[in-house]
Amino acid sequence: MAPHEASEHGWIVAEDGGRPEGRICAHLEHAVSEAGSADAGGCAECLAQGTSWVHLRACLTCGHVGCCDSSRGRHATAHYELSGHPLARSLEAGETWAWCYSDEVFLRPVPR
C-alpha cells in the first residue's frame, strides 16, 4: 500500500493534513478498526494518579486511552513515545479525526 492510500481500517490523510499539500502517512497499516472506546472511563494514567484530563485520545494500534497534550499528563503522547504506536484518534463526541505522531499529519475516516 502506498503511504497516501486509504488503509483497510478506514483512515486517510486529511485533505490538508494539518500541513502543506502532499503530506503522507506511512503508518496507516498500524490502525486497528476498533481500537479504543469512547466509554473507556478516562485516561488510564490520570485515573491511577487521581488527576484530571482535558480531552481523550485512543491509540489505534492497541486501544490505550490517554489524555491530550492540553492535559497536564499528556499521556497519549507519552504512550506513543514509550510504545512507538504512531496513531491516535480523538474520543471526543462529534470529533472524527486521528493524528499520526510520526508523520505529524491529521487523518480522517474514509468516506463510506
N, C-alpha and C. Protein backbone atom coordinates (compact mmCIF):
# COMPACT_ATOMS: atom_id res chain seq x y z
N MET A 1 0.84 -1.18 0.00
CA MET A 1 0.00 0.00 0.00
C MET A 1 0.89 1.24 0.00
N ALA A 2 0.58 2.16 -0.87
CA ALA A 2 1.32 3.42 -0.90
C ALA A 2 0.97 4.23 0.35
N PRO A 3 1.90 5.04 0.86
CA PRO A 3 1.68 5.76 2.10
C PRO A 3 0.49 6.70 2.11
N HIS A 4 0.01 7.14 0.94
CA HIS A 4 -1.08 8.09 0.89
C HIS A 4 -2.43 7.43 0.67
N GLU A 5 -2.46 6.12 0.42
CA GLU A 5 -3.71 5.43 0.14
C GLU A 5 -4.45 5.13 1.43
N ALA A 6 -5.76 4.93 1.29
CA ALA A 6 -6.59 4.59 2.45
C ALA A 6 -6.18 3.24 2.99
N SER A 7 -6.18 3.14 4.30
CA SER A 7 -5.88 1.85 4.91
C SER A 7 -7.13 0.99 4.87
N GLU A 8 -6.96 -0.30 4.99
CA GLU A 8 -8.11 -1.20 5.04
C GLU A 8 -8.92 -0.96 6.30
N HIS A 9 -8.37 -0.22 7.25
CA HIS A 9 -9.04 0.04 8.51
C HIS A 9 -9.77 1.37 8.52
N GLY A 10 -9.80 2.05 7.39
CA GLY A 10 -10.66 3.20 7.24
C GLY A 10 -10.12 4.59 7.53
N TRP A 11 -8.82 4.80 7.47
CA TRP A 11 -8.26 6.13 7.71
C TRP A 11 -7.45 6.59 6.50
N ILE A 12 -7.55 7.89 6.19
CA ILE A 12 -6.73 8.51 5.15
C ILE A 12 -6.23 9.85 5.68
N VAL A 13 -5.19 10.39 5.07
CA VAL A 13 -4.69 11.70 5.46
C VAL A 13 -5.74 12.75 5.10
N ALA A 14 -6.03 13.65 6.02
CA ALA A 14 -6.99 14.72 5.78
C ALA A 14 -6.50 15.57 4.61
N GLU A 15 -7.42 16.24 3.93
CA GLU A 15 -7.09 16.98 2.72
C GLU A 15 -5.86 17.86 2.89
N ASP A 16 -5.83 18.65 3.95
CA ASP A 16 -4.64 19.48 4.16
C ASP A 16 -3.70 18.81 5.15
N GLY A 17 -4.17 17.79 5.82
CA GLY A 17 -3.35 17.03 6.75
C GLY A 17 -2.81 17.87 7.90
N GLY A 18 -3.28 19.10 7.99
CA GLY A 18 -2.74 19.99 9.00
C GLY A 18 -1.38 20.53 8.62
N ARG A 19 -0.92 20.17 7.45
CA ARG A 19 0.41 20.54 6.97
C ARG A 19 0.30 20.92 5.49
N PRO A 20 1.40 21.34 4.88
CA PRO A 20 1.35 21.69 3.45
C PRO A 20 0.87 20.53 2.57
N GLU A 21 0.32 20.87 1.45
CA GLU A 21 -0.18 19.90 0.47
C GLU A 21 0.82 18.78 0.23
N GLY A 22 0.31 17.58 0.09
CA GLY A 22 1.16 16.46 -0.28
C GLY A 22 1.72 15.65 0.86
N ARG A 23 1.38 15.95 2.10
CA ARG A 23 1.88 15.16 3.22
C ARG A 23 1.28 13.77 3.17
N ILE A 24 2.04 12.81 3.64
CA ILE A 24 1.58 11.42 3.65
C ILE A 24 1.72 10.84 5.05
N CYS A 25 1.07 9.70 5.24
CA CYS A 25 1.22 8.94 6.47
C CYS A 25 1.66 7.53 6.08
N ALA A 26 2.83 7.17 6.54
CA ALA A 26 3.39 5.86 6.23
C ALA A 26 3.00 4.80 7.27
N HIS A 27 2.04 5.13 8.14
CA HIS A 27 1.72 4.25 9.26
C HIS A 27 0.27 3.78 9.28
N LEU A 28 -0.47 3.98 8.21
CA LEU A 28 -1.87 3.60 8.20
C LEU A 28 -2.10 2.13 8.48
N GLU A 29 -1.11 1.29 8.15
CA GLU A 29 -1.27 -0.15 8.40
C GLU A 29 -1.28 -0.48 9.89
N HIS A 30 -0.91 0.48 10.74
CA HIS A 30 -0.93 0.27 12.19
C HIS A 30 -2.32 0.43 12.79
N ALA A 31 -3.25 0.97 12.01
CA ALA A 31 -4.60 1.23 12.53
C ALA A 31 -5.38 -0.07 12.67
N VAL A 32 -5.99 -0.22 13.82
CA VAL A 32 -6.90 -1.34 14.08
C VAL A 32 -8.29 -0.72 14.17
N SER A 33 -9.23 -1.25 13.43
CA SER A 33 -10.52 -0.59 13.27
C SER A 33 -11.26 -0.31 14.56
N GLU A 34 -11.20 -1.17 15.53
CA GLU A 34 -11.98 -0.98 16.75
C GLU A 34 -11.13 -0.62 17.96
N ALA A 35 -9.96 -0.09 17.76
CA ALA A 35 -9.08 0.24 18.89
C ALA A 35 -9.61 1.43 19.67
N GLY A 36 -9.63 1.32 20.96
CA GLY A 36 -10.07 2.40 21.83
C GLY A 36 -11.58 2.50 21.89
N SER A 37 -12.09 2.95 22.99
CA SER A 37 -13.53 3.04 23.18
C SER A 37 -13.88 4.37 23.82
N ALA A 38 -14.94 4.98 23.31
CA ALA A 38 -15.39 6.25 23.87
C ALA A 38 -15.89 6.09 25.30
N ASP A 39 -16.25 4.88 25.69
CA ASP A 39 -16.72 4.65 27.05
C ASP A 39 -15.64 3.98 27.90
N ALA A 40 -14.40 4.32 27.64
CA ALA A 40 -13.27 3.73 28.36
C ALA A 40 -13.19 4.18 29.81
N GLY A 41 -13.87 5.24 30.17
CA GLY A 41 -13.86 5.71 31.54
C GLY A 41 -12.87 6.81 31.80
N GLY A 42 -11.95 7.06 30.89
CA GLY A 42 -10.99 8.14 31.06
C GLY A 42 -9.57 7.72 30.78
N CYS A 43 -8.67 8.63 31.01
CA CYS A 43 -7.24 8.38 30.81
C CYS A 43 -6.76 7.42 31.89
N ALA A 44 -6.20 6.30 31.48
CA ALA A 44 -5.77 5.26 32.41
C ALA A 44 -4.79 5.79 33.46
N GLU A 45 -3.80 6.55 33.01
CA GLU A 45 -2.79 7.07 33.94
C GLU A 45 -3.38 8.14 34.86
N CYS A 46 -4.21 9.04 34.33
CA CYS A 46 -4.82 10.07 35.17
C CYS A 46 -5.72 9.44 36.23
N LEU A 47 -6.48 8.42 35.84
CA LEU A 47 -7.33 7.73 36.81
C LEU A 47 -6.48 7.12 37.92
N ALA A 48 -5.38 6.49 37.54
CA ALA A 48 -4.49 5.86 38.53
C ALA A 48 -3.86 6.89 39.46
N GLN A 49 -3.59 8.10 38.93
CA GLN A 49 -2.94 9.16 39.70
C GLN A 49 -3.93 10.06 40.43
N GLY A 50 -5.21 9.90 40.11
CA GLY A 50 -6.22 10.77 40.71
C GLY A 50 -6.22 12.17 40.17
N THR A 51 -5.75 12.34 38.92
CA THR A 51 -5.72 13.66 38.29
C THR A 51 -6.78 13.74 37.19
N SER A 52 -6.96 14.92 36.64
CA SER A 52 -7.98 15.12 35.62
C SER A 52 -7.35 15.30 34.25
N TRP A 53 -8.18 15.30 33.22
CA TRP A 53 -7.73 15.47 31.84
C TRP A 53 -8.66 16.44 31.13
N VAL A 54 -8.21 16.92 29.96
CA VAL A 54 -9.00 17.84 29.15
C VAL A 54 -9.76 17.07 28.07
N HIS A 55 -9.05 16.31 27.24
CA HIS A 55 -9.66 15.51 26.17
C HIS A 55 -8.97 14.15 26.15
N LEU A 56 -9.65 13.17 25.56
CA LEU A 56 -9.11 11.82 25.50
C LEU A 56 -8.75 11.41 24.07
N ARG A 57 -7.69 10.61 23.96
CA ARG A 57 -7.23 10.06 22.69
C ARG A 57 -7.06 8.56 22.87
N ALA A 58 -7.36 7.80 21.81
CA ALA A 58 -7.21 6.35 21.85
C ALA A 58 -6.18 5.91 20.83
N CYS A 59 -5.26 5.08 21.25
CA CYS A 59 -4.25 4.51 20.36
C CYS A 59 -4.96 3.61 19.35
N LEU A 60 -4.67 3.81 18.07
CA LEU A 60 -5.30 3.00 17.03
C LEU A 60 -4.59 1.66 16.83
N THR A 61 -3.53 1.42 17.57
CA THR A 61 -2.84 0.13 17.49
C THR A 61 -3.31 -0.81 18.58
N CYS A 62 -3.33 -0.32 19.84
CA CYS A 62 -3.66 -1.22 20.96
C CYS A 62 -4.88 -0.80 21.76
N GLY A 63 -5.42 0.40 21.51
CA GLY A 63 -6.61 0.85 22.21
C GLY A 63 -6.36 1.60 23.50
N HIS A 64 -5.10 1.78 23.91
CA HIS A 64 -4.80 2.52 25.13
C HIS A 64 -5.45 3.90 25.08
N VAL A 65 -6.10 4.31 26.16
CA VAL A 65 -6.73 5.62 26.23
C VAL A 65 -5.88 6.52 27.12
N GLY A 66 -5.47 7.66 26.55
CA GLY A 66 -4.66 8.64 27.28
C GLY A 66 -5.20 10.04 27.06
N CYS A 67 -4.70 10.97 27.85
CA CYS A 67 -5.16 12.35 27.75
C CYS A 67 -4.35 13.11 26.69
N CYS A 68 -4.96 14.20 26.21
CA CYS A 68 -4.37 15.01 25.14
C CYS A 68 -3.22 15.87 25.64
N ASP A 69 -2.58 16.56 24.72
CA ASP A 69 -1.45 17.42 25.06
C ASP A 69 -1.86 18.69 25.80
N SER A 70 -3.15 19.02 25.83
CA SER A 70 -3.62 20.14 26.63
C SER A 70 -3.80 19.75 28.10
N SER A 71 -3.76 18.47 28.37
CA SER A 71 -3.87 17.95 29.74
C SER A 71 -2.49 17.95 30.39
N ARG A 72 -2.46 18.04 31.69
CA ARG A 72 -1.19 18.08 32.42
C ARG A 72 -0.33 16.85 32.12
N GLY A 73 -0.92 15.66 32.09
CA GLY A 73 -0.14 14.44 31.92
C GLY A 73 0.34 14.14 30.51
N ARG A 74 -0.36 14.65 29.51
CA ARG A 74 -0.01 14.37 28.11
C ARG A 74 0.24 12.86 27.91
N HIS A 75 -0.65 12.03 28.45
CA HIS A 75 -0.42 10.59 28.47
C HIS A 75 -0.57 9.91 27.10
N ALA A 76 -1.36 10.48 26.18
CA ALA A 76 -1.45 9.89 24.84
C ALA A 76 -0.10 10.02 24.13
N THR A 77 0.52 11.19 24.23
CA THR A 77 1.85 11.38 23.63
C THR A 77 2.88 10.50 24.33
N ALA A 78 2.81 10.41 25.65
CA ALA A 78 3.74 9.55 26.40
C ALA A 78 3.59 8.09 25.96
N HIS A 79 2.36 7.67 25.68
CA HIS A 79 2.15 6.29 25.21
C HIS A 79 2.85 6.08 23.87
N TYR A 80 2.71 7.05 22.95
CA TYR A 80 3.41 6.97 21.66
C TYR A 80 4.92 6.87 21.88
N GLU A 81 5.45 7.73 22.73
CA GLU A 81 6.90 7.75 22.95
C GLU A 81 7.41 6.45 23.56
N LEU A 82 6.64 5.82 24.42
CA LEU A 82 7.05 4.56 25.05
C LEU A 82 6.81 3.33 24.16
N SER A 83 5.69 3.33 23.47
CA SER A 83 5.29 2.14 22.71
C SER A 83 5.70 2.17 21.24
N GLY A 84 5.84 3.39 20.69
CA GLY A 84 6.09 3.53 19.26
C GLY A 84 4.83 3.40 18.43
N HIS A 85 3.67 3.31 19.06
CA HIS A 85 2.41 3.24 18.32
C HIS A 85 2.09 4.64 17.80
N PRO A 86 2.12 4.85 16.49
CA PRO A 86 2.08 6.21 15.94
C PRO A 86 0.72 6.86 15.79
N LEU A 87 -0.37 6.10 15.83
CA LEU A 87 -1.68 6.67 15.51
C LEU A 87 -2.60 6.72 16.72
N ALA A 88 -3.28 7.86 16.89
CA ALA A 88 -4.26 8.01 17.96
C ALA A 88 -5.45 8.79 17.42
N ARG A 89 -6.64 8.41 17.87
CA ARG A 89 -7.85 9.12 17.43
C ARG A 89 -8.48 9.84 18.61
N SER A 90 -9.22 10.88 18.29
CA SER A 90 -9.95 11.61 19.31
C SER A 90 -11.12 10.77 19.79
N LEU A 91 -11.37 10.81 21.08
CA LEU A 91 -12.55 10.16 21.64
C LEU A 91 -13.62 11.17 22.03
N GLU A 92 -13.44 12.42 21.62
CA GLU A 92 -14.41 13.45 21.94
C GLU A 92 -15.65 13.32 21.07
N ALA A 93 -16.80 13.54 21.68
CA ALA A 93 -18.07 13.46 20.96
C ALA A 93 -18.06 14.41 19.77
N GLY A 94 -18.47 13.90 18.61
CA GLY A 94 -18.54 14.72 17.40
C GLY A 94 -17.23 14.89 16.66
N GLU A 95 -16.13 14.39 17.21
CA GLU A 95 -14.84 14.51 16.53
C GLU A 95 -14.50 13.18 15.85
N THR A 96 -14.08 13.27 14.59
CA THR A 96 -13.81 12.06 13.81
C THR A 96 -12.42 12.08 13.20
N TRP A 97 -11.45 12.64 13.90
CA TRP A 97 -10.10 12.74 13.36
C TRP A 97 -9.14 11.87 14.17
N ALA A 98 -8.00 11.63 13.55
CA ALA A 98 -6.90 10.93 14.22
C ALA A 98 -5.62 11.70 13.89
N TRP A 99 -4.53 11.32 14.56
CA TRP A 99 -3.25 12.01 14.40
C TRP A 99 -2.16 10.98 14.28
N CYS A 100 -1.23 11.20 13.35
CA CYS A 100 -0.04 10.37 13.26
C CYS A 100 1.10 11.15 13.91
N TYR A 101 1.57 10.65 15.06
CA TYR A 101 2.67 11.32 15.76
C TYR A 101 3.96 11.30 14.94
N SER A 102 4.21 10.22 14.24
CA SER A 102 5.46 10.09 13.49
C SER A 102 5.52 11.03 12.30
N ASP A 103 4.44 11.09 11.52
CA ASP A 103 4.43 11.90 10.31
C ASP A 103 3.82 13.28 10.52
N GLU A 104 3.27 13.52 11.72
CA GLU A 104 2.66 14.80 12.07
C GLU A 104 1.61 15.24 11.07
N VAL A 105 0.64 14.35 10.82
CA VAL A 105 -0.48 14.67 9.94
C VAL A 105 -1.79 14.23 10.58
N PHE A 106 -2.84 14.97 10.26
CA PHE A 106 -4.18 14.60 10.68
C PHE A 106 -4.74 13.56 9.73
N LEU A 107 -5.53 12.67 10.26
CA LEU A 107 -6.21 11.65 9.47
C LEU A 107 -7.71 11.83 9.63
N ARG A 108 -8.43 11.33 8.66
CA ARG A 108 -9.90 11.33 8.75
C ARG A 108 -10.41 9.98 8.30
N PRO A 109 -11.62 9.62 8.71
CA PRO A 109 -12.17 8.34 8.27
C PRO A 109 -12.42 8.35 6.77
N VAL A 110 -12.28 7.20 6.16
CA VAL A 110 -12.59 7.05 4.74
C VAL A 110 -14.10 7.22 4.57
N PRO A 111 -14.54 8.08 3.64
CA PRO A 111 -15.99 8.21 3.40
C PRO A 111 -16.56 6.87 2.95
N ARG A 112 -17.73 6.58 3.45
CA ARG A 112 -18.37 5.30 3.11
C ARG A 112 -19.53 5.52 2.19
